[in-house]
Protein backbone atom coordinates (compact mmCIF):
# COMPACT_ATOMS: atom_id res chain seq x y z
CA MET A 1 -28.97 25.62 31.67
CA ASN A 2 -28.83 23.90 28.48
CA GLN A 3 -32.39 22.00 27.94
CA SER A 4 -30.63 19.24 27.11
CA ASP A 5 -28.59 18.81 30.02
CA GLU A 6 -32.19 18.14 32.27
CA GLY A 7 -34.31 16.45 28.99
CA ASP A 8 -35.58 12.69 29.82
CA GLY A 9 -35.24 9.81 28.23
CA PRO A 10 -32.72 7.47 27.79
CA THR A 11 -29.74 9.81 25.93
CA ALA A 12 -30.54 12.55 29.09
CA PRO A 13 -28.22 10.92 31.71
CA ALA A 14 -24.98 10.54 29.28
CA GLN A 15 -26.08 13.97 28.33
CA ARG A 16 -25.42 14.92 32.09
CA LYS A 17 -22.88 13.00 31.88
CA ASP A 18 -21.01 14.74 29.47
CA ALA A 19 -22.04 18.00 30.40
CA ARG A 20 -20.29 17.51 33.99
CA ARG A 21 -17.41 15.93 32.19
CA ASN A 22 -17.01 19.76 30.12
CA LYS A 23 -17.18 21.04 33.07
CA GLU A 24 -14.47 19.24 35.09
CA THR A 25 -12.18 19.49 31.95
CA LEU A 26 -12.93 23.54 31.65
CA LEU A 27 -12.28 23.98 35.30
CA GLU A 28 -9.04 22.08 35.05
CA ALA A 29 -8.13 23.96 31.83
CA ALA A 30 -8.73 27.18 33.04
CA ALA A 31 -6.79 26.97 36.25
CA ALA A 32 -3.64 26.10 34.43
CA ALA A 33 -4.37 28.97 32.12
CA PHE A 34 -4.49 31.14 34.88
CA ILE A 35 -1.12 29.77 36.03
CA ALA A 36 0.53 30.85 33.05
CA SER A 37 -1.21 33.16 31.84
CA GLY A 38 -3.55 35.04 34.58
CA VAL A 39 -6.89 35.71 35.40
CA ASP A 40 -7.04 37.47 31.81
CA ALA A 41 -6.21 34.49 29.82
CA PRO A 42 -8.00 34.66 26.60
CA VAL A 43 -11.38 31.97 26.86
CA ARG A 44 -10.53 31.34 23.56
CA ASP A 45 -7.36 30.08 25.02
CA ILE A 46 -9.37 28.33 27.33
CA ALA A 47 -11.68 26.66 25.50
CA SER A 48 -9.08 25.02 23.20
CA ARG A 49 -7.26 23.54 26.46
CA ALA A 50 -9.82 21.99 27.09
CA ASP A 51 -10.68 20.86 23.48
CA VAL A 52 -14.25 22.59 23.92
CA GLY A 53 -16.11 25.21 21.99
CA LEU A 54 -16.43 28.16 23.05
CA GLY A 55 -20.09 27.94 23.82
CA THR A 56 -19.41 24.86 26.06
CA LEU A 57 -17.81 27.22 27.68
CA TYR A 58 -20.31 30.22 28.04
CA ARG A 59 -22.93 27.58 28.59
CA HIS A 60 -21.27 27.03 31.84
CA PHE A 61 -19.65 30.15 32.96
CA PRO A 62 -21.76 32.74 31.49
CA THR A 63 -18.79 35.58 33.01
CA ARG A 64 -15.14 35.17 33.69
CA ALA A 65 -16.35 35.90 37.31
CA ASP A 66 -18.21 32.76 36.91
CA LEU A 67 -15.63 31.40 35.68
CA ILE A 68 -12.80 32.65 38.24
CA ILE A 69 -15.19 31.20 41.02
CA GLY A 70 -15.43 27.77 39.37
CA VAL A 71 -12.03 27.46 39.42
CA TYR A 72 -11.63 28.19 43.33
CA ARG A 73 -14.39 26.43 44.45
CA HIS A 74 -13.32 23.06 42.51
CA GLN A 75 -9.87 23.58 43.93
CA VAL A 76 -11.08 23.81 47.33
CA GLU A 77 -13.20 20.59 46.27
CA ALA A 78 -10.37 18.96 45.09
CA CYS A 79 -8.43 19.56 47.86
CA ALA A 80 -10.73 18.80 50.32
CA GLU A 81 -11.73 15.82 49.26
CA ALA A 82 -8.02 14.44 48.86
CA GLY A 83 -7.53 14.65 52.90
CA PRO A 84 -9.41 11.44 53.77
CA ALA A 85 -8.80 9.74 50.63
CA LEU A 86 -4.65 10.33 51.29
CA LEU A 87 -5.04 9.41 54.86
CA ALA A 88 -6.67 6.14 54.06
CA ALA A 89 -4.34 5.14 51.17
CA ALA A 90 -0.45 6.40 52.36
CA PRO A 91 1.96 4.31 54.19
CA THR A 92 1.69 6.79 57.45
CA PRO A 93 -0.39 9.91 58.61
CA HIS A 94 3.01 12.05 57.56
CA THR A 95 3.54 10.76 54.44
CA ALA A 96 -0.82 11.60 53.90
CA LEU A 97 -0.10 15.43 55.43
CA ARG A 98 2.91 15.92 53.26
CA GLN A 99 1.49 14.63 50.20
CA TRP A 100 -1.84 17.09 51.17
CA ILE A 101 0.55 19.45 51.72
CA ASP A 102 1.75 19.73 48.27
CA LEU A 103 -1.81 19.57 46.92
CA PHE A 104 -2.31 22.44 48.81
CA VAL A 105 0.25 24.48 47.47
CA ASP A 106 -0.78 23.87 44.05
CA PHE A 107 -3.86 25.38 45.03
CA LEU A 108 -2.28 28.35 46.76
CA VAL A 109 -0.51 29.22 43.75
CA THR A 110 -3.30 29.03 41.88
CA LYS A 111 -5.15 31.00 44.75
CA HIS A 112 -2.51 33.80 44.53
CA GLY A 113 -2.77 34.60 40.94
CA LEU A 114 -6.65 35.16 41.87
CA ALA A 115 -6.16 37.45 44.50
CA ALA A 116 -6.73 40.85 42.84
CA VAL A 117 -9.93 39.61 41.17
CA LEU A 118 -11.23 37.51 44.30
CA HIS A 119 -10.46 41.05 46.45
CA SER A 120 -12.57 43.03 43.95
CA ASP A 121 -16.03 44.50 45.10
CA HIS A 122 -17.92 41.26 42.64
CA SER A 123 -20.47 40.32 44.76
CA GLY A 124 -19.88 36.40 43.66
CA PHE A 125 -16.35 36.80 45.23
CA GLU A 126 -17.95 37.11 49.25
CA GLY A 127 -17.80 34.40 51.10
CA LEU A 128 -14.57 32.51 49.64
CA HIS A 129 -12.56 33.10 52.32
CA ALA A 130 -14.99 31.34 54.83
CA TYR A 131 -15.73 29.05 52.11
CA PHE A 132 -12.11 28.12 51.85
CA LEU A 133 -11.60 28.04 55.55
CA ASP A 134 -14.54 25.81 56.10
CA ARG A 135 -13.57 23.15 53.72
CA LEU A 136 -9.90 22.79 54.42
CA LEU A 137 -9.24 23.60 58.26
CA PRO A 138 -11.09 20.49 59.20
CA VAL A 139 -9.32 18.50 56.27
CA CYS A 140 -5.45 19.79 57.50
CA ALA A 141 -6.92 19.42 61.26
CA GLN A 142 -7.33 15.82 60.93
CA LEU A 143 -3.93 14.96 58.99
CA LEU A 144 -2.41 17.01 61.35
CA ASP A 145 -4.26 15.13 64.59
CA ALA A 146 -3.32 11.44 63.14
CA SER A 147 0.19 12.16 62.52
CA ALA A 148 0.32 13.40 66.41
CA THR A 149 -1.20 10.34 67.40
CA ALA A 150 0.72 8.55 65.68
CA GLY A 151 3.68 9.84 67.74
CA GLU A 152 5.12 11.31 64.23
CA ILE A 153 5.18 14.78 64.72
CA ARG A 154 4.83 17.15 67.14
CA ALA A 155 1.17 17.85 69.14
CA ASP A 156 1.55 21.74 69.41
CA ILE A 157 0.74 23.04 65.68
CA ASP A 158 -2.64 24.05 65.20
CA ALA A 159 -4.28 23.45 61.34
CA LEU A 160 -4.92 27.66 60.76
CA THR A 161 -1.00 28.03 61.83
CA LEU A 162 0.00 25.41 59.61
CA MET A 163 -2.00 26.64 56.62
CA ARG A 164 -1.15 30.15 57.18
CA GLY A 165 2.77 28.91 57.19
CA VAL A 166 2.84 27.35 53.74
CA GLY A 167 0.79 30.08 52.60
CA ASN A 168 3.00 32.62 53.47
CA LEU A 169 5.88 30.20 51.49
CA CYS A 170 3.97 30.14 48.51
CA ILE A 171 3.68 34.12 47.86
CA GLY A 172 7.31 34.24 46.12
CA ALA A 173 5.89 31.94 43.10
CA GLU A 174 3.33 35.01 42.31
CA THR A 175 7.23 37.09 40.83
CA ASP A 176 9.46 34.10 40.64
CA PRO A 177 9.04 31.14 37.93
CA ASP A 178 11.94 29.44 39.72
CA TYR A 179 10.86 29.89 43.08
CA HIS A 180 10.13 26.05 44.64
CA ALA A 181 6.89 26.70 46.58
CA ARG A 182 6.75 22.79 47.26
CA ARG A 183 9.92 21.80 48.31
CA LEU A 184 9.88 25.39 50.81
CA ALA A 185 6.56 23.86 52.40
CA GLY A 186 8.11 20.27 52.43
CA ILE A 187 10.74 21.55 54.73
CA LEU A 188 8.15 23.26 57.32
CA VAL A 189 6.23 20.06 57.36
CA ASP A 190 9.25 18.03 57.56
CA GLY A 191 10.63 20.58 60.31
CA LEU A 192 7.11 19.36 62.41
CA ARG A 193 8.99 15.60 62.74
CA HIS A 194 8.55 14.79 66.68
CA PRO A 195 12.25 14.10 67.93
CA THR A 196 11.74 10.26 68.27
CA GLY A 197 9.43 9.81 64.93
CA ARG A 198 10.50 8.38 61.95
CA THR A 199 12.70 10.69 59.16
CA ARG A 200 10.62 10.64 55.84
CA PRO A 201 12.22 8.38 53.08
């Protein structure tokens, strides 16, 4: 870790805040680069997208594997944290579910781009799938339960089944730039509607 990130004195909190901001920006830039150019996207391009120097990138992510793992975990956490927030803010639980599935699709498109690397024998990739399930299954289940309790959707669909279905619908995005994964996932989620439920605006 950069010594300045953990120093004492009045400037230390600001330095730590800047370091966190740089890391977040790098992760977002790397995710965009991976979608556009694959996981072999030049690190110089990623640093340029994030508007930081190469030294800053390597300070946070010394190897490409570190960067890939960072992107994966960052997107899982963002997706996990979005669920409760959407449920609290959306007009209906089904609307929150639909919005969350859009975010989940965006994550899966990136995840599929990382698939070949994530299935390599690099020790750092071990446990990432379990981490993915541990963080996102409860969120999806919460959204489904809330929607079912509100009478908006059928109650016989579990979170893992829905996530697998959405995942299968996202596979085509790997090879076809005109493939609309979000639209297909939206049709699937709308198909969960209870016969007496309200229609989506």
